[in-house]
Protein backbone atom coordinates (compact mmCIF):
# COMPACT_ATOMS: atom_id res chain seq x y z
CA UNK A 1 -44.19 76.96 35.69
CA UNK A 2 -41.11 75.17 36.94
CA UNK A 3 -39.40 73.01 34.32
CA UNK A 4 -38.92 69.33 35.10
CA UNK A 5 -35.19 69.76 34.47
CA UNK A 6 -35.02 72.35 37.23
CA UNK A 7 -36.88 70.10 39.65
CA UNK A 8 -34.49 67.22 38.88
CA UNK A 9 -31.56 69.44 39.88
CA UNK A 10 -32.99 70.21 43.31
CA UNK A 11 -31.69 68.36 46.37
CA UNK A 12 -34.20 65.95 47.92
CA UNK A 13 -35.05 68.24 50.86
CA UNK A 14 -35.97 71.04 48.43
CA UNK A 15 -38.07 68.67 46.31
CA UNK A 16 -39.98 67.65 49.43
CA UNK A 17 -40.45 71.28 50.45
CA UNK A 18 -41.79 72.04 46.96
CA UNK A 19 -44.17 69.08 47.16
CA UNK A 20 -45.42 70.24 50.57
CA UNK A 21 -45.98 73.76 49.25
CA UNK A 22 -47.98 72.48 46.27
CA UNK A 23 -50.05 70.18 48.49
CA UNK A 24 -50.76 73.06 50.89
CA UNK A 25 -52.15 75.01 47.95
CA UNK A 26 -54.51 72.29 46.71
CA UNK A 27 -55.55 70.48 49.88
CA UNK A 28 -57.82 73.21 51.31
CA UNK A 29 -60.08 72.86 48.25
CA UNK A 30 -60.61 69.08 47.84
CA UNK A 31 -63.98 69.54 46.14
CA UNK A 32 -62.20 71.08 43.18
CA UNK A 33 -60.20 67.88 42.64
CA UNK A 34 -62.14 65.56 40.40
CA UNK A 35 -61.74 61.84 41.00
CA UNK A 36 -61.22 60.12 37.64
CA UNK A 37 -63.81 57.57 36.59
CA UNK A 38 -61.24 54.75 36.43
CA UNK A 39 -60.48 55.38 40.12
CA UNK A 40 -64.16 55.24 41.04
CA UNK A 41 -64.52 52.02 39.02
CA UNK A 42 -61.56 50.44 40.79
CA UNK A 43 -62.96 51.33 44.20
CA UNK A 44 -66.34 49.89 43.21
CA UNK A 45 -64.65 46.65 42.06
CA UNK A 46 -62.75 46.35 45.32
CA UNK A 47 -65.85 47.03 47.40
CA UNK A 48 -67.78 44.41 45.46
CA UNK A 49 -64.97 41.87 45.91
CA UNK A 50 -64.94 42.64 49.63
CA UNK A 51 -68.70 42.13 49.87
CA UNK A 52 -68.34 38.77 48.07
CA UNK A 53 -65.70 37.75 50.62
CA UNK A 54 -62.92 37.63 48.03
CA UNK A 55 -60.64 40.12 49.76
CA UNK A 56 -58.73 39.50 52.98
CA UNK A 57 -59.11 42.39 55.40
CA UNK A 58 -56.69 42.88 58.26
CA UNK A 59 -56.11 45.45 60.97
CA UNK A 60 -53.81 48.35 60.00
CA UNK A 61 -51.31 47.47 62.75
CA UNK A 62 -51.10 43.89 61.44
CA UNK A 63 -50.71 45.20 57.89
CA UNK A 64 -47.76 47.37 58.93
CA UNK A 65 -46.13 44.38 60.62
CA UNK A 66 -46.56 42.29 57.47
CA UNK A 67 -45.09 45.04 55.32
CA UNK A 68 -42.12 45.50 57.63
CA UNK A 69 -41.49 41.75 57.71
CA UNK A 70 -41.62 41.54 53.91
CA UNK A 71 -38.92 44.18 53.40
CA UNK A 72 -36.42 42.73 55.84
């Protein structure tokens, strides 16, 4: 295993390459990744709030524009 201290020493481009390599190893087998119960519960809560009309839903393109405008 790679120690956290060693990872901290890596330049950003090497950290990203390491992250991509790890993701490439785990992404072909998504069924082996268990979704934690708290995550399922949160998704259920958000779906329920959406169905009750409590959540504003917007188009992805509009969302990106809002995000870009908020960071300027």
